[in-house]
Amino acid sequence: MVMRTGFICGCGHSGTTLIATILASHPDVYLPLQETNIFFKWTPLAMFRFWKLKQAALDAGKNVLLEKTPRHIRRVARIRRLVPGARFVMPVRDGRDVVASLIKRLGDPKEALDRWINDNALVFAERGKPDVLIYRYEDLVENPAKVVEQICGFLDVTFSPDLLDYHKNPQQWFKPTDASVETQHEVLRNQQVNQPIYDGSGRWRSELGNAELQDLVQGRGAQLMKAFGYA
């Protein structure tokens, strides 16, 4: 069986878990419900763990292996070298909503802003490459069937409207060894990704501070905001 591989990556809180959950419901797809961070490992260990993922996919009778680690956006060149033929799905999202969400999680406005800018600069650098599909989270929310069909075509898997019913078979992401140590963030994320697609855009209006807003729309983030159609 020929195994096709793909990686979902980009800035966290941009919809990577949502699209991974949708694609994980595809009958041909094997997608581990955790962020593996495999390609931050020493190369022999990385390849061994990747081989184990491929073996798990084969054992499950799947011919497409997908993996979701947002931080792999920082290892795309390495993945290309180690996994020839891999494809990359990269969602982007309005920096105002992402930074507001990251601040709530990280507690550090500068770290949140730096992460959106740095990770999305890497996404922007991948534009136009044949093994990369970049899409906007807001477009997925507005027309999920169209965007998911586009992603399926890019990954060379069949599209079915049933994929949009992913929430009818809830999945548990970030499952800890001991359920008692599951963090509040993980509980919330599992609740969110197991709901039908909903529009969470614009929450920044009540959650984002003026300094961060100005840095995004007029300062360091302005060029990327404009490039992705958010300004």
Protein backbone atom coordinates (compact mmCIF):
# COMPACT_ATOMS: atom_id res chain seq x y z
CA MET A 1 0.00 0.00 0.00
CA VAL A 2 1.35 3.44 -0.96
CA MET A 3 1.23 5.76 2.05
CA ARG A 4 0.62 9.46 1.41
CA THR A 5 1.64 11.90 4.12
CA GLY A 6 0.61 15.39 5.13
CA PHE A 7 1.30 17.83 7.93
CA ILE A 8 -1.02 20.44 9.41
CA CYS A 9 1.00 23.30 10.83
CA GLY A 10 1.02 27.05 11.39
CA CYS A 11 0.46 29.40 14.27
CA GLY A 12 -1.40 27.85 17.18
CA HIS A 13 -5.01 28.96 17.75
CA SER A 14 -5.51 29.41 14.00
CA GLY A 15 -7.72 26.39 13.41
CA THR A 16 -5.17 23.57 13.13
CA THR A 17 -7.04 21.36 15.58
CA LEU A 18 -10.38 22.00 13.88
CA ILE A 19 -9.22 20.96 10.42
CA ALA A 20 -7.32 18.00 11.89
CA THR A 21 -10.48 16.83 13.66
CA ILE A 22 -12.47 17.11 10.44
CA LEU A 23 -9.88 15.20 8.41
CA ALA A 24 -9.46 12.56 11.13
CA SER A 25 -13.05 11.51 10.42
CA HIS A 26 -12.14 10.56 6.83
CA PRO A 27 -12.21 6.77 6.32
CA ASP A 28 -8.85 6.77 4.50
CA VAL A 29 -7.01 8.98 6.98
CA TYR A 30 -4.96 8.07 10.04
CA LEU A 31 -4.31 11.10 12.23
CA PRO A 32 -3.01 10.76 15.81
CA LEU A 33 -5.05 12.93 18.16
CA GLN A 34 -2.03 14.55 19.76
CA GLU A 35 0.75 16.89 18.75
CA THR A 36 3.79 14.67 18.26
CA ASN A 37 6.51 17.34 17.82
CA ILE A 38 8.40 14.54 16.06
CA PHE A 39 10.59 16.72 13.88
CA PHE A 40 12.06 18.61 16.80
CA LYS A 41 13.76 15.35 17.82
CA TRP A 42 17.22 13.99 17.00
CA THR A 43 16.99 12.69 13.43
CA PRO A 44 17.20 8.92 14.12
CA LEU A 45 14.59 9.25 16.87
CA ALA A 46 12.38 11.44 14.68
CA MET A 47 12.45 8.92 11.84
CA PHE A 48 11.82 6.00 14.19
CA ARG A 49 8.77 7.71 15.65
CA PHE A 50 7.56 8.67 12.18
CA TRP A 51 7.98 5.04 11.07
CA LYS A 52 5.86 4.00 14.06
CA LEU A 53 3.12 6.41 12.94
CA LYS A 54 3.21 4.96 9.43
CA GLN A 55 3.02 1.45 10.84
CA ALA A 56 0.02 2.43 12.97
CA ALA A 57 -1.67 3.84 9.87
CA LEU A 58 -1.00 0.64 7.91
CA ASP A 59 -2.24 -1.51 10.79
CA ALA A 60 -5.45 0.54 10.77
CA GLY A 61 -5.85 -0.05 7.03
CA LYS A 62 -5.38 3.62 6.14
CA ASN A 63 -3.43 4.92 3.15
CA VAL A 64 -3.10 8.57 4.23
CA LEU A 65 -1.11 9.62 7.29
CA LEU A 66 -1.72 13.14 8.56
CA GLU A 67 -0.08 14.77 11.57
CA LYS A 68 -0.90 18.02 13.36
CA THR A 69 1.74 19.93 15.28
CA PRO A 70 1.45 23.70 14.78
CA ARG A 71 5.12 24.24 15.68
CA HIS A 72 6.19 22.07 12.76
CA ILE A 73 5.86 25.27 10.72
CA ARG A 74 9.40 25.86 12.03
CA ARG A 75 10.61 22.52 10.63
CA VAL A 76 9.08 22.46 7.14
CA ALA A 77 12.44 22.35 5.35
CA ARG A 78 13.57 19.46 7.54
CA ILE A 79 10.34 17.54 6.96
CA ARG A 80 10.75 18.00 3.21
CA ARG A 81 14.20 16.42 3.40
CA LEU A 82 13.17 13.52 5.62
CA VAL A 83 9.69 12.82 4.19
CA PRO A 84 9.83 13.25 0.40
CA GLY A 85 6.45 13.96 -1.13
CA ALA A 86 4.88 15.27 2.07
CA ARG A 87 2.20 17.92 1.73
CA PHE A 88 1.51 20.78 4.11
CA VAL A 89 -1.83 22.31 5.11
CA MET A 90 -1.42 25.72 6.75
CA PRO A 91 -4.39 27.67 8.13
CA VAL A 92 -4.07 31.37 8.89
CA ARG A 93 -6.40 33.45 11.03
CA ASP A 94 -6.96 37.11 11.85
CA GLY A 95 -4.05 38.08 14.08
CA ARG A 96 -6.31 40.04 16.39
CA ASP A 97 -8.33 36.95 17.31
CA VAL A 98 -5.26 34.73 17.54
CA VAL A 99 -3.27 37.12 19.73
CA ALA A 100 -6.26 37.67 22.02
CA SER A 101 -6.64 33.89 22.39
CA LEU A 102 -2.92 33.33 22.94
CA ILE A 103 -2.78 36.03 25.61
CA LYS A 104 -5.50 34.22 27.54
CA ARG A 105 -3.47 31.02 27.34
CA LEU A 106 0.08 32.35 27.76
CA GLY A 107 -0.55 35.42 29.90
CA ASP A 108 2.13 37.38 28.03
CA PRO A 109 1.01 39.86 25.33
CA LYS A 110 4.50 40.18 23.82
CA GLU A 111 4.97 36.41 23.56
CA ALA A 112 1.54 36.06 21.95
CA LEU A 113 2.22 38.80 19.41
CA ASP A 114 5.71 37.49 18.62
CA ARG A 115 4.34 34.01 18.04
CA TRP A 116 1.68 35.17 15.58
CA ILE A 117 4.16 37.31 13.66
CA ASN A 118 7.01 34.80 13.59
CA ASP A 119 4.94 31.73 12.72
CA ASN A 120 2.89 33.49 10.07
CA ALA A 121 6.01 34.97 8.49
CA LEU A 122 7.07 31.35 7.94
CA VAL A 123 3.65 30.52 6.46
CA PHE A 124 3.88 33.54 4.16
CA ALA A 125 7.28 32.37 2.93
CA GLU A 126 5.64 29.11 1.76
CA ARG A 127 3.09 30.80 -0.50
CA GLY A 128 2.94 29.45 -4.03
CA LYS A 129 4.82 26.22 -3.35
CA PRO A 130 3.16 23.17 -4.93
CA ASP A 131 3.29 21.07 -1.77
CA VAL A 132 1.62 23.75 0.37
CA LEU A 133 -2.02 24.75 0.78
CA ILE A 134 -2.71 27.92 2.76
CA TYR A 135 -6.28 28.86 3.61
CA ARG A 136 -8.00 31.33 5.90
CA TYR A 137 -9.85 30.06 8.97
CA GLU A 138 -12.59 32.61 8.30
CA ASP A 139 -13.17 31.14 4.82
CA LEU A 140 -13.59 27.69 6.35
CA VAL A 141 -16.17 29.05 8.79
CA GLU A 142 -18.05 30.87 6.03
CA ASN A 143 -18.09 28.01 3.53
CA PRO A 144 -16.87 24.78 5.16
CA ALA A 145 -17.87 22.45 2.34
CA LYS A 146 -15.95 24.46 -0.25
CA VAL A 147 -12.77 24.76 1.82
CA VAL A 148 -12.76 21.16 3.08
CA GLU A 149 -13.31 19.92 -0.48
CA GLN A 150 -10.35 22.05 -1.60
CA ILE A 151 -8.17 20.58 1.15
CA CYS A 152 -9.26 17.03 0.30
CA GLY A 153 -8.38 17.62 -3.34
CA PHE A 154 -4.96 18.91 -2.35
CA LEU A 155 -4.36 15.82 -0.19
CA ASP A 156 -5.72 13.55 -2.94
CA VAL A 157 -8.52 12.08 -0.83
CA THR A 158 -12.18 11.96 -1.74
CA PHE A 159 -14.47 14.62 -0.32
CA SER A 160 -17.78 13.75 1.29
CA PRO A 161 -20.22 16.14 2.98
CA ASP A 162 -20.23 13.61 5.83
CA LEU A 163 -16.86 15.03 6.89
CA LEU A 164 -18.71 18.10 8.16
CA ASP A 165 -20.55 15.84 10.63
CA TYR A 166 -17.25 15.11 12.43
CA HIS A 167 -18.74 16.38 15.71
CA LYS A 168 -21.23 13.50 15.81
CA ASN A 169 -18.34 11.20 16.71
CA PRO A 170 -16.45 13.19 19.37
CA GLN A 171 -12.68 12.80 19.58
CA GLN A 172 -10.48 13.51 22.59
CA TRP A 173 -7.37 15.51 21.78
CA PHE A 174 -4.38 15.96 24.08
CA LYS A 175 -5.44 12.96 26.16
CA PRO A 176 -3.12 12.66 29.18
CA THR A 177 -2.00 9.36 30.68
CA ASP A 178 -3.94 10.28 33.81
CA ALA A 179 -7.21 12.03 33.01
CA SER A 180 -7.03 13.86 36.33
CA VAL A 181 -4.15 15.97 35.03
CA GLU A 182 -5.96 17.22 31.95
CA THR A 183 -5.57 21.00 31.96
CA GLN A 184 -8.37 23.53 31.75
CA HIS A 185 -7.03 24.56 28.33
CA GLU A 186 -7.21 20.97 27.08
CA VAL A 187 -10.75 20.52 28.39
CA LEU A 188 -11.86 23.71 26.65
CA ARG A 189 -10.15 22.79 23.37
CA ASN A 190 -11.81 19.37 23.33
CA GLN A 191 -15.20 20.98 23.90
CA GLN A 192 -14.58 23.46 21.08
CA VAL A 193 -13.38 21.05 18.41
CA ASN A 194 -16.20 18.59 19.04
CA GLN A 195 -18.87 21.17 18.23
CA PRO A 196 -20.21 22.03 14.78
CA ILE A 197 -18.17 24.73 13.04
CA TYR A 198 -19.09 28.11 14.47
CA ASP A 199 -17.89 31.66 13.89
CA GLY A 200 -15.63 32.76 16.73
CA SER A 201 -14.32 35.74 14.79
CA GLY A 202 -14.30 39.24 16.22
CA ARG A 203 -13.86 38.29 19.86
CA TRP A 204 -10.76 40.49 19.89
CA ARG A 205 -13.03 43.53 20.13
CA SER A 206 -13.74 42.73 23.76
CA GLU A 207 -10.55 40.83 24.62
CA LEU A 208 -7.57 42.55 22.96
CA GLY A 209 -5.76 45.46 24.55
CA ASN A 210 -5.19 48.65 22.58
CA ALA A 211 -1.39 48.32 22.61
CA GLU A 212 -1.49 44.86 21.02
CA LEU A 213 -4.14 45.97 18.55
CA GLN A 214 -2.04 48.89 17.37
CA ASP A 215 1.06 46.71 17.08
CA LEU A 216 -0.87 44.36 14.81
CA VAL A 217 -2.64 46.82 12.54
CA GLN A 218 -0.11 49.65 12.44
CA GLY A 219 3.13 48.24 13.83
CA ARG A 220 5.09 45.00 13.53
CA GLY A 221 2.19 42.86 12.37
CA ALA A 222 0.73 45.26 9.83
CA GLN A 223 2.46 43.83 6.76
CA LEU A 224 1.33 40.27 7.48
CA MET A 225 -2.19 41.38 8.39
CA LYS A 226 -2.44 43.07 5.01
CA ALA A 227 -0.84 40.16 3.14
CA PHE A 228 -3.46 37.73 4.46
CA GLY A 229 -6.36 40.12 3.85
CA TYR A 230 -7.05 41.25 7.41
CA ALA A 231 -6.30 44.94 6.94
